[in-house]
PDB file of N, CA and C in Angstrom:
ATOM      1  N   MET A   1       0.842  -1.172   0.000  1.00  0.00           N
ATOM      2  CA  MET A   1       0.000   0.000   0.000  1.00  0.00           C
ATOM      3  C   MET A   1       0.889   1.238   0.000  1.00  0.00           C
ATOM      4  N   LYS A   2       0.600   2.168  -0.868  1.00  0.00           N
ATOM      5  CA  LYS A   2       1.383   3.393  -0.978  1.00  0.00           C
ATOM      6  C   LYS A   2       0.636   4.529  -0.290  1.00  0.00           C
ATOM      7  N   ILE A   3       1.367   5.292   0.500  1.00  0.00           N
ATOM      8  CA  ILE A   3       0.790   6.451   1.182  1.00  0.00           C
ATOM      9  C   ILE A   3       1.377   7.683   0.541  1.00  0.00           C
ATOM     10  N   ASP A   4       0.500   8.587   0.096  1.00  0.00           N
ATOM     11  CA  ASP A   4       0.983   9.820  -0.500  1.00  0.00           C
ATOM     12  C   ASP A   4       0.260  11.004   0.120  1.00  0.00           C
ATOM     13  N   ASN A   5       0.708  12.178  -0.204  1.00  0.00           N
ATOM     14  CA  ASN A   5       0.097  13.395   0.313  1.00  0.00           C
ATOM     15  C   ASN A   5      -1.003  13.824  -0.647  1.00  0.00           C
ATOM     16  N   SER A   6      -2.189  13.272  -0.462  1.00  0.00           N
ATOM     17  CA  SER A   6      -3.287  13.579  -1.364  1.00  0.00           C
ATOM     18  C   SER A   6      -4.142  14.740  -0.874  1.00  0.00           C
ATOM     19  N   VAL A   7      -3.836  15.287   0.305  1.00  0.00           N
ATOM     20  CA  VAL A   7      -4.636  16.370   0.853  1.00  0.00           C
ATOM     21  C   VAL A   7      -4.363  17.675   0.134  1.00  0.00           C
ATOM     22  N   GLY A   8      -3.110  17.954  -0.191  1.00  0.00           N
ATOM     23  CA  GLY A   8      -2.768  19.206  -0.866  1.00  0.00           C
ATOM     24  C   GLY A   8      -2.898  20.370   0.080  1.00  0.00           C
ATOM     25  N   SER A   9      -3.369  21.509  -0.433  1.00  0.00           N
ATOM     26  CA  SER A   9      -3.512  22.680   0.430  1.00  0.00           C
ATOM     27  C   SER A   9      -4.944  22.776   0.920  1.00  0.00           C
ATOM     28  N   VAL A  10      -5.102  23.377   2.089  1.00  0.00           N
ATOM     29  CA  VAL A  10      -6.405  23.503   2.714  1.00  0.00           C
ATOM     30  C   VAL A  10      -6.731  24.974   2.861  1.00  0.00           C
ATOM     31  N   GLY A  11      -7.907  25.351   2.461  1.00  0.00           N
ATOM     32  CA  GLY A  11      -8.374  26.712   2.675  1.00  0.00           C
ATOM     33  C   GLY A  11      -7.559  27.778   1.983  1.00  0.00           C
ATOM     34  N   GLY A  12      -6.963  27.459   0.858  1.00  0.00           N
ATOM     35  CA  GLY A  12      -6.202  28.442   0.112  1.00  0.00           C
ATOM     36  C   GLY A  12      -4.816  28.709   0.660  1.00  0.00           C
ATOM     37  N   LEU A  13      -4.413  28.003   1.713  1.00  0.00           N
ATOM     38  CA  LEU A  13      -3.074  28.187   2.261  1.00  0.00           C
ATOM     39  C   LEU A  13      -2.084  27.393   1.432  1.00  0.00           C
ATOM     40  N   PRO A  14      -0.917  27.935   1.180  1.00  0.00           N
ATOM     41  CA  PRO A  14       0.076  27.183   0.416  1.00  0.00           C
ATOM     42  C   PRO A  14       0.571  25.995   1.231  1.00  0.00           C
ATOM     43  N   SER A  15       0.719  24.844   0.573  1.00  0.00           N
ATOM     44  CA  SER A  15       1.174  23.658   1.295  1.00  0.00           C
ATOM     45  C   SER A  15       2.685  23.677   1.421  1.00  0.00           C
ATOM     46  N   GLY A  16       3.176  23.161   2.565  1.00  0.00           N
ATOM     47  CA  GLY A  16       4.611  23.042   2.786  1.00  0.00           C
ATOM     48  C   GLY A  16       5.309  24.331   3.154  1.00  0.00           C
ATOM     49  N   GLU A  17       4.591  25.419   3.260  1.00  0.00           N
ATOM     50  CA  GLU A  17       5.213  26.691   3.631  1.00  0.00           C
ATOM     51  C   GLU A  17       4.690  27.112   4.994  1.00  0.00           C
ATOM     52  N   SER A  18       5.547  27.717   5.769  1.00  0.00           N
ATOM     53  CA  SER A  18       5.092  28.223   7.058  1.00  0.00           C
ATOM     54  C   SER A  18       4.991  29.733   6.973  1.00  0.00           C
ATOM     55  N   ARG A  19       4.006  30.254   7.674  1.00  0.00           N
ATOM     56  CA  ARG A  19       3.829  31.698   7.711  1.00  0.00           C
ATOM     57  C   ARG A  19       4.453  32.245   8.974  1.00  0.00           C
ATOM     58  N   PRO A  20       5.113  33.394   8.892  1.00  0.00           N
ATOM     59  CA  PRO A  20       5.652  33.989  10.116  1.00  0.00           C
ATOM     60  C   PRO A  20       4.516  34.421  11.023  1.00  0.00           C
ATOM     61  N   ARG A  21       4.706  34.278  12.324  1.00  0.00           N
ATOM     62  CA  ARG A  21       3.688  34.673  13.284  1.00  0.00           C
ATOM     63  C   ARG A  21       3.810  36.159  13.574  1.00  0.00           C
ATOM     64  N   PRO A  22       2.681  36.807  13.804  1.00  0.00           N
ATOM     65  CA  PRO A  22       2.733  38.230  14.101  1.00  0.00           C
ATOM     66  C   PRO A  22       3.532  38.486  15.370  1.00  0.00           C
ATOM     67  N   GLY A  23       4.350  39.532  15.339  1.00  0.00           N
ATOM     68  CA  GLY A  23       5.110  39.918  16.511  1.00  0.00           C
ATOM     69  C   GLY A  23       6.369  39.110  16.725  1.00  0.00           C
ATOM     70  N   LYS A  24       6.625  38.144  15.865  1.00  0.00           N
ATOM     71  CA  LYS A  24       7.827  37.332  16.008  1.00  0.00           C
ATOM     72  C   LYS A  24       8.632  37.426  14.733  1.00  0.00           C
ATOM     73  N   SER A  25       9.917  37.533  14.886  1.00  0.00           N
ATOM     74  CA  SER A  25      10.801  37.586  13.736  1.00  0.00           C
ATOM     75  C   SER A  25      10.972  36.187  13.186  1.00  0.00           C
ATOM     76  N   SER A  26      10.933  36.036  11.874  1.00  0.00           N
ATOM     77  CA  SER A  26      11.087  34.715  11.291  1.00  0.00           C
ATOM     78  C   SER A  26      12.533  34.273  11.290  1.00  0.00           C
ATOM     79  N   SER A  27      13.449  35.204  11.445  1.00  0.00           N
ATOM     80  CA  SER A  27      14.868  34.865  11.452  1.00  0.00           C
ATOM     81  C   SER A  27      15.601  35.782  12.421  1.00  0.00           C
ATOM     82  N   PRO A  28      16.363  35.192  13.363  1.00  0.00           N
ATOM     83  CA  PRO A  28      17.055  36.044  14.324  1.00  0.00           C
ATOM     84  C   PRO A  28      18.208  36.817  13.701  1.00  0.00           C
ATOM     85  N   SER A  29      18.640  36.467  12.500  1.00  0.00           N
ATOM     86  CA  SER A  29      19.789  37.131  11.899  1.00  0.00           C
ATOM     87  C   SER A  29      19.398  38.356  11.077  1.00  0.00           C
ATOM     88  N   THR A  30      18.151  38.822  11.183  1.00  0.00           N
ATOM     89  CA  THR A  30      17.704  39.969  10.398  1.00  0.00           C
ATOM     90  C   THR A  30      17.960  41.299  11.108  1.00  0.00           C
ATOM     91  N   ALA A  31      18.600  41.278  12.257  1.00  0.00           N
ATOM     92  CA  ALA A  31      18.868  42.512  12.984  1.00  0.00           C
ATOM     93  C   ALA A  31      19.887  43.346  12.230  1.00  0.00           C
ATOM     94  N   ALA A  32      19.683  44.635  12.310  1.00  0.00           N
ATOM     95  CA  ALA A  32      20.602  45.546  11.634  1.00  0.00           C
ATOM     96  C   ALA A  32      21.938  45.562  12.367  1.00  0.00           C
ATOM     97  N   PRO A  33      23.027  45.800  11.654  1.00  0.00           N
ATOM     98  CA  PRO A  33      24.338  45.870  12.309  1.00  0.00           C
ATOM     99  C   PRO A  33      24.347  46.950  13.383  1.00  0.00           C
ATOM    100  N   GLY A  34      24.964  46.658  14.487  1.00  0.00           N
ATOM    101  CA  GLY A  34      25.052  47.620  15.574  1.00  0.00           C
ATOM    102  C   GLY A  34      23.930  47.514  16.585  1.00  0.00           C
ATOM    103  N   GLU A  35      22.890  46.722  16.310  1.00  0.00           N
ATOM    104  CA  GLU A  35      21.816  46.554  17.282  1.00  0.00           C
ATOM    105  C   GLU A  35      22.306  45.679  18.417  1.00  0.00           C
ATOM    106  N   LYS A  36      21.780  45.918  19.599  1.00  0.00           N
ATOM    107  CA  LYS A  36      22.251  45.234  20.790  1.00  0.00           C
ATOM    108  C   LYS A  36      21.073  44.629  21.537  1.00  0.00           C
ATOM    109  N   VAL A  37      21.255  43.411  22.039  1.00  0.00           N
ATOM    110  CA  VAL A  37      20.215  42.741  22.816  1.00  0.00           C
ATOM    111  C   VAL A  37      20.750  42.529  24.213  1.00  0.00           C
ATOM    112  N   GLU A  38      19.959  42.896  25.210  1.00  0.00           N
ATOM    113  CA  GLU A  38      20.352  42.701  26.596  1.00  0.00           C
ATOM    114  C   GLU A  38      19.356  41.777  27.273  1.00  0.00           C
ATOM    115  N   LEU A  39      19.885  40.835  28.066  1.00  0.00           N
ATOM    116  CA  LEU A  39      19.041  39.921  28.814  1.00  0.00           C
ATOM    117  C   LEU A  39      18.866  40.433  30.232  1.00  0.00           C
ATOM    118  N   SER A  40      17.722  40.135  30.812  1.00  0.00           N
ATOM    119  CA  SER A  40      17.495  40.550  32.198  1.00  0.00           C
ATOM    120  C   SER A  40      18.345  39.700  33.127  1.00  0.00           C
ATOM    121  N   SER A  41      18.442  40.124  34.371  1.00  0.00           N
ATOM    122  CA  SER A  41      19.216  39.356  35.353  1.00  0.00           C
ATOM    123  C   SER A  41      18.578  37.991  35.585  1.00  0.00           C
ATOM    124  N   LEU A  42      17.260  37.929  35.476  1.00  0.00           N
ATOM    125  CA  LEU A  42      16.572  36.644  35.635  1.00  0.00           C
ATOM    126  C   LEU A  42      16.966  35.687  34.514  1.00  0.00           C
ATOM    127  N   ALA A  43      17.056  36.176  33.296  1.00  0.00           N
ATOM    128  CA  ALA A  43      17.459  35.339  32.173  1.00  0.00           C
ATOM    129  C   ALA A  43      18.883  34.835  32.375  1.00  0.00           C
ATOM    130  N   GLY A  44      19.757  35.698  32.872  1.00  0.00           N
ATOM    131  CA  GLY A  44      21.127  35.287  33.155  1.00  0.00           C
ATOM    132  C   GLY A  44      21.174  34.224  34.236  1.00  0.00           C
ATOM    133  N   ARG A  45      20.359  34.405  35.257  1.00  0.00           N
ATOM    134  CA  ARG A  45      20.303  33.420  36.352  1.00  0.00           C
ATOM    135  C   ARG A  45      19.765  32.084  35.836  1.00  0.00           C
ATOM    136  N   MET A  46      18.780  32.144  34.964  1.00  0.00           N
ATOM    137  CA  MET A  46      18.223  30.912  34.393  1.00  0.00           C
ATOM    138  C   MET A  46      19.279  30.166  33.591  1.00  0.00           C
ATOM    139  N   GLN A  47      20.117  30.883  32.875  1.00  0.00           N
ATOM    140  CA  GLN A  47      21.190  30.242  32.124  1.00  0.00           C
ATOM    141  C   GLN A  47      22.182  29.581  33.067  1.00  0.00           C
ATOM    142  N   GLU A  48      22.474  30.223  34.199  1.00  0.00           N
ATOM    143  CA  GLU A  48      23.386  29.639  35.186  1.00  0.00           C
ATOM    144  C   GLU A  48      22.805  28.356  35.771  1.00  0.00           C
ATOM    145  N   VAL A  49      21.534  28.402  36.124  1.00  0.00           N
ATOM    146  CA  VAL A  49      20.873  27.218  36.693  1.00  0.00           C
ATOM    147  C   VAL A  49      20.840  26.089  35.672  1.00  0.00           C
ATOM    148  N   GLU A  50      20.532  26.424  34.433  1.00  0.00           N
ATOM    149  CA  GLU A  50      20.499  25.419  33.369  1.00  0.00           C
ATOM    150  C   GLU A  50      21.870  24.765  33.200  1.00  0.00           C
ATOM    151  N   ALA A  51      22.921  25.560  33.245  1.00  0.00           N
ATOM    152  CA  ALA A  51      24.274  25.015  33.117  1.00  0.00           C
ATOM    153  C   ALA A  51      24.609  24.112  34.296  1.00  0.00           C
ATOM    154  N   ALA A  52      24.183  24.507  35.501  1.00  0.00           N
ATOM    155  CA  ALA A  52      24.447  23.683  36.685  1.00  0.00           C
ATOM    156  C   ALA A  52      23.682  22.369  36.610  1.00  0.00           C
ATOM    157  N   LEU A  53      22.439  22.419  36.152  1.00  0.00           N
ATOM    158  CA  LEU A  53      21.629  21.204  36.052  1.00  0.00           C
ATOM    159  C   LEU A  53      22.133  20.266  34.967  1.00  0.00           C
ATOM    160  N   ALA A  54      22.808  20.798  33.974  1.00  0.00           N
ATOM    161  CA  ALA A  54      23.326  19.956  32.900  1.00  0.00           C
ATOM    162  C   ALA A  54      24.366  18.979  33.432  1.00  0.00           C
ATOM    163  N   ASN A  55      25.021  19.322  34.548  1.00  0.00           N
ATOM    164  CA  ASN A  55      26.048  18.467  35.131  1.00  0.00           C
ATOM    165  C   ASN A  55      25.506  17.480  36.158  1.00  0.00           C
ATOM    166  N   VAL A  56      24.209  17.573  36.475  1.00  0.00           N
ATOM    167  CA  VAL A  56      23.609  16.681  37.465  1.00  0.00           C
ATOM    168  C   VAL A  56      23.100  15.435  36.740  1.00  0.00           C
ATOM    169  N   PRO A  57      23.523  14.251  37.198  1.00  0.00           N
ATOM    170  CA  PRO A  57      23.046  13.034  36.534  1.00  0.00           C
ATOM    171  C   PRO A  57      21.547  12.854  36.734  1.00  0.00           C
ATOM    172  N   VAL A  58      20.895  12.311  35.732  1.00  0.00           N
ATOM    173  CA  VAL A  58      19.452  12.093  35.783  1.00  0.00           C
ATOM    174  C   VAL A  58      19.130  10.958  36.748  1.00  0.00           C
ATOM    175  N   ALA A  59      19.994   9.963  36.814  1.00  0.00           N
ATOM    176  CA  ALA A  59      19.771   8.813  37.684  1.00  0.00           C
ATOM    177  C   ALA A  59      20.997   8.590  38.561  1.00  0.00           C
ATOM    178  N   ASP A  60      20.773   8.004  39.720  1.00  0.00           N
ATOM    179  CA  ASP A  60      21.854   7.671  40.642  1.00  0.00           C
ATOM    180  C   ASP A  60      22.427   6.317  40.226  1.00  0.00           C
ATOM    181  N   SER A  61      23.538   6.348  39.496  1.00  0.00           N
ATOM    182  CA  SER A  61      24.102   5.107  38.956  1.00  0.00           C
ATOM    183  C   SER A  61      24.538   4.152  40.062  1.00  0.00           C
ATOM    184  N   GLY A  62      24.973   4.661  41.204  1.00  0.00           N
ATOM    185  CA  GLY A  62      25.344   3.801  42.326  1.00  0.00           C
ATOM    186  C   GLY A  62      24.153   3.029  42.862  1.00  0.00           C
ATOM    187  N   ARG A  63      23.032   3.737  43.010  1.00  0.00           N
ATOM    188  CA  ARG A  63      21.806   3.086  43.509  1.00  0.00           C
ATOM    189  C   ARG A  63      21.300   2.069  42.495  1.00  0.00           C
ATOM    190  N   ILE A  64      21.395   2.374  41.224  1.00  0.00           N
ATOM    191  CA  ILE A  64      20.974   1.442  40.180  1.00  0.00           C
ATOM    192  C   ILE A  64      21.817   0.172  40.239  1.00  0.00           C
ATOM    193  N   ALA A  65      23.110   0.326  40.431  1.00  0.00           N
ATOM    194  CA  ALA A  65      24.000  -0.834  40.532  1.00  0.00           C
ATOM    195  C   ALA A  65      23.642  -1.692  41.748  1.00  0.00           C
ATOM    196  N   GLU A  66      23.322  -1.043  42.874  1.00  0.00           N
ATOM    197  CA  GLU A  66      22.909  -1.779  44.075  1.00  0.00           C
ATOM    198  C   GLU A  66      21.650  -2.600  43.817  1.00  0.00           C
ATOM    199  N   ILE A  67      20.676  -1.988  43.171  1.00  0.00           N
ATOM    200  CA  ILE A  67      19.415  -2.680  42.900  1.00  0.00           C
ATOM    201  C   ILE A  67      19.643  -3.833  41.925  1.00  0.00           C
ATOM    202  N   LYS A  68      20.449  -3.621  40.894  1.00  0.00           N
ATOM    203  CA  LYS A  68      20.756  -4.701  39.951  1.00  0.00           C
ATOM    204  C   LYS A  68      21.424  -5.873  40.659  1.00  0.00           C
ATOM    205  N   GLN A  69      22.352  -5.560  41.550  1.00  0.00           N
ATOM    206  CA  GLN A  69      23.055  -6.610  42.287  1.00  0.00           C
ATOM    207  C   GLN A  69      22.073  -7.373  43.175  1.00  0.00           C
ATOM    208  N   ALA A  70      21.208  -6.647  43.870  1.00  0.00           N
ATOM    209  CA  ALA A  70      20.224  -7.286  44.741  1.00  0.00           C
ATOM    210  C   ALA A  70      19.279  -8.174  43.932  1.00  0.00           C
ATOM    211  N   MET A  71      18.893  -7.727  42.752  1.00  0.00           N
ATOM    212  CA  MET A  71      18.019  -8.531  41.898  1.00  0.00           C
ATOM    213  C   MET A  71      18.743  -9.796  41.444  1.00  0.00           C
ATOM    214  N   ALA A  72      20.007  -9.650  41.056  1.00  0.00           N
ATOM    215  CA  ALA A  72      20.786 -10.798  40.596  1.00  0.00           C
ATOM    216  C   ALA A  72      20.959 -11.828  41.713  1.00  0.00           C
ATOM    217  N   GLU A  73      21.068 -11.356  42.946  1.00  0.00           N
ATOM    218  CA  GLU A  73      21.252 -12.250  44.084  1.00  0.00           C
ATOM    219  C   GLU A  73      19.933 -12.737  44.668  1.00  0.00           C
ATOM    220  N   GLY A  74      18.808 -12.240  44.152  1.00  0.00           N
ATOM    221  CA  GLY A  74      17.501 -12.684  44.627  1.00  0.00           C
ATOM    222  C   GLY A  74      17.085 -12.090  45.960  1.00  0.00           C
ATOM    223  N   ARG A  75      17.689 -11.012  46.375  1.00  0.00           N
ATOM    224  CA  ARG A  75      17.332 -10.403  47.656  1.00  0.00           C
ATOM    225  C   ARG A  75      16.590  -9.071  47.494  1.00  0.00           C
ATOM    226  N   PHE A  76      16.191  -8.762  46.265  1.00  0.00           N
ATOM    227  CA  PHE A  76      15.424  -7.532  46.022  1.00  0.00           C
ATOM    228  C   PHE A  76      13.952  -7.829  46.282  1.00  0.00           C
ATOM    229  N   GLN A  77      13.372  -7.121  47.234  1.00  0.00           N
ATOM    230  CA  GLN A  77      11.973  -7.326  47.599  1.00  0.00           C
ATOM    231  C   GLN A  77      11.143  -6.111  47.171  1.00  0.00           C
ATOM    232  N   VAL A  78      10.023  -6.372  46.538  1.00  0.00           N
ATOM    233  CA  VAL A  78       9.114  -5.302  46.120  1.00  0.00           C
ATOM    234  C   VAL A  78       8.017  -5.189  47.163  1.00  0.00           C
ATOM    235  N   ASP A  79       7.833  -4.000  47.682  1.00  0.00           N
ATOM    236  CA  ASP A  79       6.767  -3.732  48.644  1.00  0.00           C
ATOM    237  C   ASP A  79       5.546  -3.264  47.857  1.00  0.00           C
ATOM    238  N   ALA A  80       4.606  -4.177  47.669  1.00  0.00           N
ATOM    239  CA  ALA A  80       3.426  -3.892  46.833  1.00  0.00           C
ATOM    240  C   ALA A  80       2.624  -2.713  47.367  1.00  0.00           C
ATOM    241  N   SER A  81       2.556  -2.549  48.676  1.00  0.00           N
ATOM    242  CA  SER A  81       1.769  -1.436  49.222  1.00  0.00           C
ATOM    243  C   SER A  81       2.432  -0.093  48.917  1.00  0.00           C
ATOM    244  N   LYS A  82       3.769  -0.044  48.912  1.00  0.00           N
ATOM    245  CA  LYS A  82       4.465   1.197  48.545  1.00  0.00           C
ATOM    246  C   LYS A  82       4.239   1.521  47.073  1.00  0.00           C
ATOM    247  N   VAL A  83       4.277   0.502  46.226  1.00  0.00           N
ATOM    248  CA  VAL A  83       4.038   0.709  44.795  1.00  0.00           C
ATOM    249  C   VAL A  83       2.618   1.221  44.590  1.00  0.00           C
ATOM    250  N   ALA A  84       1.640   0.600  45.246  1.00  0.00           N
ATOM    251  CA  ALA A  84       0.243   1.018  45.116  1.00  0.00           C
ATOM    252  C   ALA A  84       0.051   2.444  45.630  1.00  0.00           C
ATOM    253  N   ASP A  85       0.650   2.761  46.770  1.00  0.00           N
ATOM    254  CA  ASP A  85       0.536   4.122  47.314  1.00  0.00           C
ATOM    255  C   ASP A  85       1.128   5.150  46.353  1.00  0.00           C
ATOM    256  N   GLY A  86       2.260   4.809  45.749  1.00  0.00           N
ATOM    257  CA  GLY A  86       2.885   5.713  44.779  1.00  0.00           C
ATOM    258  C   GLY A  86       2.025   5.926  43.552  1.00  0.00           C
ATOM    259  N   LEU A  87       1.416   4.847  43.064  1.00  0.00           N
ATOM    260  CA  LEU A  87       0.527   4.976  41.904  1.00  0.00           C
ATOM    261  C   LEU A  87      -0.683   5.836  42.224  1.00  0.00           C
ATOM    262  N   ILE A  88      -1.278   5.609  43.385  1.00  0.00           N
ATOM    263  CA  ILE A  88      -2.449   6.402  43.787  1.00  0.00           C
ATOM    264  C   ILE A  88      -2.073   7.874  43.918  1.00  0.00           C
ATOM    265  N   GLU A  89      -0.932   8.161  44.507  1.00  0.00           N
ATOM    266  CA  GLU A  89      -0.484   9.549  44.670  1.00  0.00           C
ATOM    267  C   GLU A  89      -0.255  10.218  43.316  1.00  0.00           C
ATOM    268  N   SER A  90       0.362   9.492  42.377  1.00  0.00           N
ATOM    269  CA  SER A  90       0.616  10.091  41.066  1.00  0.00           C
ATOM    270  C   SER A  90      -0.689  10.362  40.322  1.00  0.00           C
ATOM    271  N   VAL A  91      -1.673   9.482  40.477  1.00  0.00           N
ATOM    272  CA  VAL A  91      -2.974   9.714  39.837  1.00  0.00           C
ATOM    273  C   VAL A  91      -3.654  10.933  40.466  1.00  0.00           C
ATOM    274  N   LYS A  92      -3.564  11.066  41.786  1.00  0.00           N
ATOM    275  CA  LYS A  92      -4.138  12.239  42.451  1.00  0.00           C
ATOM    276  C   LYS A  92      -3.511  13.527  41.923  1.00  0.00           C
ATOM    277  N   GLN A  93      -2.191  13.518  41.755  1.00  0.00           N
ATOM    278  CA  GLN A  93      -1.499  14.708  41.244  1.00  0.00           C
ATOM    279  C   GLN A  93      -1.919  15.012  39.808  1.00  0.00           C
ATOM    280  N   MET A  94      -2.069  13.984  38.982  1.00  0.00           N
ATOM    281  CA  MET A  94      -2.499  14.205  37.595  1.00  0.00           C
ATOM    282  C   MET A  94      -3.902  14.784  37.552  1.00  0.00           C
ATOM    283  N   ILE A  95      -4.800  14.260  38.367  1.00  0.00           N
ATOM    284  CA  ILE A  95      -6.176  14.763  38.400  1.00  0.00           C
ATOM    285  C   ILE A  95      -6.199  16.213  38.888  1.00  0.00           C
ATOM    286  N   ALA A  96      -5.409  16.511  39.907  1.00  0.00           N
ATOM    287  CA  ALA A  96      -5.357  17.882  40.433  1.00  0.00           C
ATOM    288  C   ALA A  96      -4.811  18.842  39.379  1.00  0.00           C
ATOM    289  N   SER A  97      -3.794  18.438  38.635  1.00  0.00           N
ATOM    290  CA  SER A  97      -3.227  19.333  37.615  1.00  0.00           C
ATOM    291  C   SER A  97      -4.212  19.540  36.476  1.00  0.00           C
ATOM    292  N   GLN A  98      -4.988  18.522  36.129  1.00  0.00           N
ATOM    293  CA  GLN A  98      -5.990  18.686  35.076  1.00  0.00           C
ATOM    294  C   GLN A  98      -7.122  19.585  35.542  1.00  0.00           C
ATOM    295  N   ALA A  99      -7.493  19.495  36.812  1.00  0.00           N
ATOM    296  CA  ALA A  99      -8.549  20.344  37.344  1.00  0.00           C
ATOM    297  C   ALA A  99      -8.130  21.806  37.369  1.00  0.00           C
ATOM    298  N   ARG A 100      -6.832  22.072  37.617  1.00  0.00           N
ATOM    299  CA  ARG A 100      -6.350  23.453  37.627  1.00  0.00           C
ATOM    300  C   ARG A 100      -6.368  24.047  36.236  1.00  0.00           C
ATOM    301  N   ARG A 101      -6.124  23.227  35.213  1.00  0.00           N
ATOM    302  CA  ARG A 101      -6.113  23.724  33.835  1.00  0.00           C
ATOM    303  C   ARG A 101      -7.505  24.015  33.321  1.00  0.00           C
ATOM    304  N   ALA A 102      -8.486  23.320  33.840  1.00  0.00           N
ATOM    305  CA  ALA A 102      -9.865  23.474  33.353  1.00  0.00           C
ATOM    306  C   ALA A 102     -10.543  24.702  33.871  1.00  0.00           C
TER     307      ALA A 102
END
């Protein structure tokens, strides 16, 4: 079965082209020579925090190794009530976040 783009353009809009959004520059390199952009102190702080977080590992590799070893040795025990409590808590948080958006 062959899949092709049979829809074409919709509502008179050209297909495959994007339109620039109002109030936004389509290209950051269109600034005139000599123009200067300054970031707020908050933006600078955010860049610092982002750089610091880039060096933080996403997972604790030592703890992962411990759990793998315990599983291999058959001494890793799963506490079903803790797993269930965690699932219930995460569902509560998801429901609360959806209620705030509505």
